Amino acid sequence: MTTYLVTGGAGFIGANFLNLLVPRQPGDRFINVDKLTYAANPASLEGLEGSGNYALERVDVADAAAVDRLFEEHAPDCVVHFAAESHVDRSILGPGEFVRTNVEGTFVLLEACRKHWAGSYDGKLFHHVSTDEVYGSLGATGMFTEDTRYDPSSPYSASKAASDHLVRAWGRTYKLPFKLTNCSNNYGPLQFPEKLIPLMILNAVEGKPLPIYGKGENVRDWLYVTDHCEAIWRVIQSGATGETYNVGGHNELMNVEVVDRIIELVAAQTGGDLEALRGLKTYVTDRPGHDLRYAIDASKIERDLGWTPQETFETGLAKTVAWYLENDAWVDAVRSGAYREWIDQNYGAR
């Protein structure tokens, strides 16, 4: 039996990872470690309640004493590190929390691994989940590879770049076994509606403006969340220790193209007026330091580990729109803050 300490498991990608793996791996234990900030929703994990191999611990990864207790109690063999503040706009307005969680939190976890795994790293692993934003901005051509020089533009990407460097440094200095993945933009079910795709879906359904930065020409490579989770699991199980793997979806699109496709799907799935929905597009002042283009070269993970994305952008986006339309209770709880009441009732005294 392997015990996995999954940080940030009540967030978007972490919740999808746990929903995928907990039922699939009944002989392993999964400890979800989450601070339960605004973007973490335990309702995303309702299907795991009662699972004998799953537990949720409300812990801030930057709290060294609390993390130390977790290691003593659960004796994890593998840390899967999703926990991060991830919204670029929020990092511009208030970078402090990003440094604390993304940099200090990673440091605390690495030190806990070093302390509790001292003497033998056999069967142990620190898997660090990162972003393509650490590489900065591409021009009209080219792709990010695992050897691309780091050039972060925002406080968010700088904090993630720093955490990547810490992980590699602990590997080189202390021989801590690690693997690292850098992914492109994720989308899919359970994503907090501050991010582009869920925000556009919900605004379109409600007839609200669809705000698009600048001219909408910024390009992103879109990766369906369960494809990303499968890639992480493949790396954990089969990737080479000390290696980095870029994970991309082969779906480069300008932001305005993404919005247009969402409009078409919302109109088709709700019977809405297509032209009226198109009229909701609103161009707003671009944010500072907005990278023009990201594109991932995922040939290494495809070649070495046999992973390829299963969803096209068309199939993945159709599933995503359908999920938000069919899960009103989840959406309403997030937007109203009602899910926070559940957290306060169950974890308020902790």
Protein backbone atom coordinates (compact mmCIF):
# COMPACT_ATOMS: atom_id res chain seq x y z
CA MET A 1 0.00 0.00 0.00
CA THR A 2 1.23 3.47 -0.92
CA THR A 3 0.13 6.55 1.01
CA TYR A 4 -0.22 9.69 -1.10
CA LEU A 5 -0.28 13.12 0.52
CA VAL A 6 -2.17 15.24 -2.05
CA THR A 7 -1.89 18.96 -1.33
CA GLY A 8 -4.58 21.28 -2.66
CA GLY A 9 -6.88 18.33 -3.28
CA ALA A 10 -10.07 20.36 -2.81
CA GLY A 11 -9.11 22.71 -5.62
CA PHE A 12 -9.87 22.29 -9.30
CA ILE A 13 -7.09 19.99 -10.55
CA GLY A 14 -6.50 18.27 -7.22
CA ALA A 15 -10.18 17.37 -6.84
CA ASN A 16 -10.30 15.92 -10.34
CA PHE A 17 -7.13 13.95 -9.57
CA LEU A 18 -8.59 12.49 -6.37
CA ASN A 19 -11.98 11.73 -7.94
CA LEU A 20 -10.13 9.82 -10.64
CA LEU A 21 -7.59 7.94 -8.51
CA VAL A 22 -9.25 7.16 -5.16
CA PRO A 23 -11.79 4.71 -6.65
CA ARG A 24 -9.21 3.32 -9.07
CA GLN A 25 -6.60 2.58 -6.39
CA PRO A 26 -8.54 1.01 -3.48
CA GLY A 27 -5.37 -0.52 -2.05
CA ASP A 28 -3.68 2.88 -1.65
CA ARG A 29 -4.41 5.73 0.78
CA PHE A 30 -4.99 9.33 -0.30
CA ILE A 31 -4.71 12.11 2.27
CA ASN A 32 -6.13 15.38 0.93
CA VAL A 33 -4.29 18.31 2.54
CA ASP A 34 -6.01 21.61 1.83
CA LYS A 35 -6.19 24.99 3.56
CA LEU A 36 -9.73 25.32 2.18
CA THR A 37 -9.33 28.83 0.85
CA TYR A 38 -11.96 30.55 -1.30
CA ALA A 39 -11.23 28.37 -4.37
CA ALA A 40 -11.31 25.04 -2.52
CA ASN A 41 -14.66 23.30 -2.38
CA PRO A 42 -15.13 20.03 -0.48
CA ALA A 43 -18.41 19.56 -2.39
CA SER A 44 -16.22 18.71 -5.38
CA LEU A 45 -15.25 15.54 -3.50
CA GLU A 46 -18.68 14.41 -2.30
CA GLY A 47 -18.36 11.13 -4.16
CA LEU A 48 -15.38 10.17 -2.01
CA GLU A 49 -17.17 10.51 1.33
CA GLY A 50 -17.06 7.21 3.12
CA SER A 51 -14.19 5.86 1.04
CA GLY A 52 -11.95 3.90 3.36
CA ASN A 53 -8.82 5.02 1.55
CA TYR A 54 -9.51 8.78 1.57
CA ALA A 55 -9.32 11.50 4.23
CA LEU A 56 -9.40 15.30 4.20
CA GLU A 57 -7.11 17.31 6.48
CA ARG A 58 -7.55 21.08 6.74
CA VAL A 59 -3.94 22.21 6.89
CA ASP A 60 -2.01 25.17 5.50
CA VAL A 61 1.07 23.79 3.72
CA ALA A 62 3.04 26.81 4.93
CA ASP A 63 2.37 25.81 8.57
CA ALA A 64 5.46 23.77 9.40
CA ALA A 65 4.15 22.37 12.69
CA ALA A 66 0.88 21.21 11.12
CA VAL A 67 2.67 19.62 8.17
CA ASP A 68 5.06 17.87 10.54
CA ARG A 69 2.07 16.42 12.39
CA LEU A 70 0.62 15.15 9.13
CA PHE A 71 3.83 13.34 8.27
CA GLU A 72 4.01 11.76 11.72
CA GLU A 73 0.37 10.65 11.60
CA HIS A 74 0.09 9.44 8.02
CA ALA A 75 3.71 8.55 7.06
CA PRO A 76 3.25 9.39 3.37
CA ASP A 77 5.32 7.68 0.71
CA CYS A 78 4.56 10.24 -1.99
CA VAL A 79 3.67 13.93 -1.92
CA VAL A 80 1.64 15.13 -4.91
CA HIS A 81 1.91 18.90 -4.65
CA PHE A 82 -1.00 20.76 -6.28
CA ALA A 83 -1.50 23.40 -3.57
CA ALA A 84 -0.99 26.88 -4.98
CA GLU A 85 -2.52 30.29 -5.33
CA SER A 86 -3.05 30.36 -9.08
CA HIS A 87 -5.07 33.34 -10.28
CA VAL A 88 -2.81 35.81 -12.10
CA ASP A 89 -5.06 38.84 -11.55
CA ARG A 90 -5.17 38.16 -7.81
CA SER A 91 -1.36 37.87 -7.75
CA ILE A 92 -1.06 41.32 -9.28
CA LEU A 93 -3.37 42.84 -6.67
CA GLY A 94 -1.91 40.96 -3.70
CA PRO A 95 1.31 39.00 -4.29
CA GLY A 96 2.00 38.21 -0.64
CA GLU A 97 -0.25 35.15 -0.40
CA PHE A 98 1.30 33.77 -3.57
CA VAL A 99 4.78 33.95 -2.11
CA ARG A 100 3.60 32.43 1.16
CA THR A 101 1.71 29.48 -0.31
CA ASN A 102 3.65 28.79 -3.48
CA VAL A 103 7.18 29.42 -2.22
CA GLU A 104 7.10 29.00 1.56
CA GLY A 105 4.58 26.17 1.36
CA THR A 106 6.74 24.24 -1.07
CA PHE A 107 9.77 24.81 1.16
CA VAL A 108 7.89 23.50 4.22
CA LEU A 109 6.82 20.35 2.37
CA LEU A 110 10.31 19.70 1.05
CA GLU A 111 11.78 20.04 4.53
CA ALA A 112 9.14 17.71 5.96
CA CYS A 113 10.06 15.12 3.34
CA ARG A 114 13.74 15.53 4.12
CA LYS A 115 13.14 15.14 7.86
CA HIS A 116 10.69 12.24 7.83
CA TRP A 117 12.29 10.33 4.98
CA ALA A 118 15.80 10.75 6.38
CA GLY A 119 17.98 7.70 6.10
CA SER A 120 16.10 6.09 3.23
CA TYR A 121 14.41 7.59 0.20
CA ASP A 122 13.55 4.14 -1.10
CA GLY A 123 9.96 4.16 -2.41
CA LYS A 124 9.58 7.88 -1.70
CA LEU A 125 8.71 10.67 -4.16
CA PHE A 126 7.92 14.38 -4.24
CA HIS A 127 5.86 15.17 -7.35
CA HIS A 128 5.63 18.88 -8.05
CA VAL A 129 2.83 20.20 -10.26
CA SER A 130 3.72 23.44 -12.03
CA THR A 131 2.74 25.63 -14.97
CA ASP A 132 3.96 26.67 -18.40
CA GLU A 133 3.73 30.29 -17.24
CA VAL A 134 7.18 29.98 -15.64
CA TYR A 135 8.64 30.11 -19.15
CA GLY A 136 7.27 33.55 -19.94
CA SER A 137 5.86 34.56 -23.30
CA LEU A 138 6.36 33.11 -26.78
CA GLY A 139 6.27 35.00 -30.05
CA ALA A 140 4.22 33.85 -33.00
CA THR A 141 6.26 30.67 -33.38
CA GLY A 142 8.05 28.11 -31.22
CA MET A 143 7.04 25.98 -28.25
CA PHE A 144 8.11 25.55 -24.65
CA THR A 145 10.30 22.51 -24.03
CA GLU A 146 11.66 21.16 -20.76
CA ASP A 147 14.87 23.09 -21.48
CA THR A 148 13.26 26.48 -22.10
CA ARG A 149 14.78 29.24 -19.98
CA TYR A 150 12.57 30.52 -17.16
CA ASP A 151 11.28 34.06 -17.68
CA PRO A 152 8.15 34.60 -15.53
CA SER A 153 6.08 37.73 -16.05
CA SER A 154 3.62 37.91 -13.13
CA PRO A 155 3.90 37.49 -9.36
CA TYR A 156 2.03 34.19 -9.79
CA SER A 157 4.40 32.76 -12.38
CA ALA A 158 7.43 34.08 -10.48
CA SER A 159 6.26 32.30 -7.33
CA LYS A 160 5.76 29.06 -9.25
CA ALA A 161 9.17 29.43 -10.87
CA ALA A 162 10.71 29.84 -7.42
CA SER A 163 8.97 26.71 -6.19
CA ASP A 164 10.25 24.75 -9.20
CA HIS A 165 13.79 25.89 -8.41
CA LEU A 166 13.41 24.84 -4.77
CA VAL A 167 12.30 21.35 -5.76
CA ARG A 168 15.23 20.87 -8.13
CA ALA A 169 17.66 22.30 -5.58
CA TRP A 170 16.46 19.88 -2.88
CA GLY A 171 16.92 17.09 -5.40
CA ARG A 172 20.48 18.11 -6.20
CA THR A 173 21.61 19.13 -2.72
CA TYR A 174 19.81 16.60 -0.54
CA LYS A 175 19.15 13.89 -3.17
CA LEU A 176 15.42 14.15 -2.49
CA PRO A 177 13.64 12.08 -5.16
CA PHE A 178 11.37 14.32 -7.22
CA LYS A 179 9.51 14.55 -10.49
CA LEU A 180 8.14 17.76 -11.96
CA THR A 181 5.41 18.51 -14.49
CA ASN A 182 4.68 21.84 -16.19
CA CYS A 183 1.23 21.99 -17.76
CA SER A 184 -0.65 24.27 -20.11
CA ASN A 185 -4.00 25.92 -19.27
CA ASN A 186 -6.42 23.44 -17.72
CA TYR A 187 -10.19 23.50 -18.15
CA GLY A 188 -13.05 21.18 -17.27
CA PRO A 189 -15.51 20.38 -14.45
CA LEU A 190 -15.10 21.81 -10.93
CA GLN A 191 -13.09 24.89 -11.95
CA PHE A 192 -13.75 27.96 -9.80
CA PRO A 193 -15.66 30.49 -11.95
CA GLU A 194 -13.02 33.22 -11.76
CA LYS A 195 -11.13 31.51 -14.61
CA LEU A 196 -11.83 32.25 -18.27
CA ILE A 197 -13.84 29.24 -19.44
CA PRO A 198 -16.26 28.77 -16.51
CA LEU A 199 -16.70 32.54 -16.22
CA MET A 200 -17.65 32.81 -19.89
CA ILE A 201 -20.01 29.82 -19.69
CA LEU A 202 -21.90 31.13 -16.68
CA ASN A 203 -22.03 34.73 -17.89
CA ALA A 204 -23.32 33.59 -21.28
CA VAL A 205 -26.05 31.49 -19.65
CA GLU A 206 -27.12 34.49 -17.55
CA GLY A 207 -26.86 37.06 -20.36
CA LYS A 208 -24.04 38.97 -18.66
CA PRO A 209 -21.12 40.68 -20.45
CA LEU A 210 -18.27 38.43 -21.59
CA PRO A 211 -15.13 40.44 -20.70
CA ILE A 212 -12.12 39.79 -22.94
CA TYR A 213 -8.71 41.30 -22.22
CA GLY A 214 -7.25 43.59 -24.90
CA LYS A 215 -8.12 42.35 -28.38
CA GLY A 216 -8.50 38.76 -27.24
CA GLU A 217 -5.47 37.72 -29.26
CA ASN A 218 -3.50 36.11 -26.42
CA VAL A 219 -2.94 32.45 -27.27
CA ARG A 220 -3.13 29.54 -24.82
CA ASP A 221 -2.73 25.79 -25.21
CA TRP A 222 -5.78 24.18 -23.58
CA LEU A 223 -5.58 20.88 -21.69
CA TYR A 224 -8.64 19.00 -20.42
CA VAL A 225 -8.23 18.44 -16.70
CA THR A 226 -8.60 14.65 -16.63
CA ASP A 227 -6.00 14.36 -19.39
CA HIS A 228 -3.68 16.34 -17.14
CA CYS A 229 -4.47 14.12 -14.15
CA GLU A 230 -3.74 11.00 -16.19
CA ALA A 231 -0.43 12.53 -17.25
CA ILE A 232 0.54 13.25 -13.65
CA TRP A 233 -0.32 9.69 -12.63
CA ARG A 234 1.70 8.31 -15.55
CA VAL A 235 4.72 10.38 -14.48
CA ILE A 236 4.36 9.31 -10.84
CA GLN A 237 4.19 5.66 -11.83
CA SER A 238 6.61 5.51 -14.74
CA GLY A 239 8.54 8.77 -15.12
CA ALA A 240 12.23 9.02 -14.41
CA THR A 241 13.19 10.46 -11.02
CA GLY A 242 14.70 13.93 -11.28
CA GLU A 243 13.06 14.60 -14.64
CA THR A 244 10.67 17.30 -15.84
CA TYR A 245 7.79 16.58 -18.20
CA ASN A 246 5.80 19.21 -20.07
CA VAL A 247 2.10 18.40 -20.44
CA GLY A 248 0.06 20.08 -23.17
CA GLY A 249 -3.23 19.58 -24.96
CA HIS A 250 -2.29 20.40 -28.57
CA ASN A 251 -5.04 23.03 -28.58
CA GLU A 252 -3.65 26.50 -29.32
CA LEU A 253 -6.39 29.10 -29.50
CA MET A 254 -6.72 32.83 -29.08
CA ASN A 255 -8.86 33.82 -26.11
CA VAL A 256 -11.48 35.36 -28.37
CA GLU A 257 -11.71 32.07 -30.27
CA VAL A 258 -12.34 30.24 -27.01
CA VAL A 259 -15.12 32.68 -26.13
CA ASP A 260 -16.68 32.27 -29.57
CA ARG A 261 -16.74 28.49 -29.19
CA ILE A 262 -18.30 28.76 -25.74
CA ILE A 263 -20.99 31.04 -27.14
CA GLU A 264 -21.81 28.51 -29.86
CA LEU A 265 -21.99 25.62 -27.38
CA VAL A 266 -24.11 27.52 -24.86
CA ALA A 267 -26.51 28.53 -27.63
CA ALA A 268 -26.69 24.94 -28.89
CA GLN A 269 -27.13 23.35 -25.45
CA THR A 270 -29.63 25.89 -24.08
CA GLY A 271 -31.46 26.94 -27.23
CA GLY A 272 -30.26 30.50 -26.71
CA ASP A 273 -30.07 33.24 -29.34
CA LEU A 274 -26.63 32.91 -30.94
CA GLU A 275 -26.42 36.49 -32.19
CA ALA A 276 -27.57 37.90 -28.85
CA LEU A 277 -24.88 35.90 -27.08
CA ARG A 278 -22.24 37.13 -29.51
CA GLY A 279 -23.32 40.66 -28.65
CA LEU A 280 -22.28 40.09 -25.03
CA LYS A 281 -18.57 40.11 -25.92
CA THR A 282 -16.93 43.08 -24.22
CA TYR A 283 -13.29 44.08 -24.70
CA VAL A 284 -11.63 45.45 -21.56
CA THR A 285 -8.24 46.97 -20.76
CA ASP A 286 -5.52 44.35 -20.87
CA ARG A 287 -3.88 43.34 -17.60
CA PRO A 288 -0.23 44.26 -16.87
CA GLY A 289 2.42 41.82 -18.08
CA HIS A 290 -0.08 39.70 -20.01
CA ASP A 291 1.96 37.07 -21.88
CA LEU A 292 1.10 36.91 -25.56
CA ARG A 293 1.35 33.19 -26.24
CA TYR A 294 1.99 29.89 -24.50
CA ALA A 295 2.49 26.61 -26.33
CA ILE A 296 3.72 23.31 -24.89
CA ASP A 297 5.90 20.78 -26.65
CA ALA A 298 4.69 17.56 -24.99
CA SER A 299 6.78 15.23 -27.14
CA LYS A 300 8.90 14.03 -24.21
CA ILE A 301 6.03 12.62 -22.15
CA GLU A 302 4.41 11.24 -25.29
CA ARG A 303 7.63 9.57 -26.44
CA ASP A 304 9.00 8.34 -23.11
CA LEU A 305 5.79 7.48 -21.26
CA GLY A 306 3.22 6.93 -23.99
CA TRP A 307 0.82 9.60 -22.73
CA THR A 308 -1.34 11.55 -25.16
CA PRO A 309 -4.42 13.68 -24.47
CA GLN A 310 -7.68 11.87 -25.06
CA GLU A 311 -9.88 14.94 -25.43
CA THR A 312 -9.83 17.38 -28.31
CA PHE A 313 -10.76 20.94 -27.44
CA GLU A 314 -14.12 20.38 -29.11
CA THR A 315 -15.01 17.28 -27.07
CA GLY A 316 -13.57 18.63 -23.83
CA LEU A 317 -15.29 22.00 -24.11
CA ALA A 318 -18.65 20.38 -24.91
CA LYS A 319 -18.31 18.23 -21.78
CA THR A 320 -17.33 21.29 -19.74
CA VAL A 321 -20.28 23.41 -20.85
CA ALA A 322 -22.64 20.50 -20.20
CA TRP A 323 -21.20 19.98 -16.71
CA TYR A 324 -21.77 23.61 -15.66
CA LEU A 325 -25.29 23.56 -17.07
CA GLU A 326 -26.11 20.34 -15.22
CA ASN A 327 -24.59 21.25 -11.84
CA ASP A 328 -26.54 24.29 -10.69
CA ALA A 329 -26.21 23.38 -7.01
CA TRP A 330 -22.41 23.35 -7.15
CA VAL A 331 -22.31 26.62 -9.07
CA ASP A 332 -24.84 28.32 -6.78
CA ALA A 333 -22.96 27.24 -3.66
CA VAL A 334 -19.71 28.63 -5.03
CA ARG A 335 -21.20 31.91 -6.17
CA SER A 336 -23.24 32.48 -3.01
CA GLY A 337 -20.46 31.37 -0.69
CA ALA A 338 -22.75 28.75 0.88
CA TYR A 339 -20.00 26.15 0.61
CA ARG A 340 -17.98 28.29 3.02
CA GLU A 341 -20.66 27.74 5.65
CA TRP A 342 -20.11 23.98 5.41
CA ILE A 343 -16.38 24.51 5.87
CA ASP A 344 -16.94 26.74 8.90
CA GLN A 345 -19.33 24.23 10.48
CA ASN A 346 -17.00 21.29 9.97
CA TYR A 347 -13.60 22.91 10.30
CA GLY A 348 -14.17 26.24 12.02
CA ALA A 349 -12.57 25.20 15.28
CA ARG A 350 -9.50 23.62 13.68
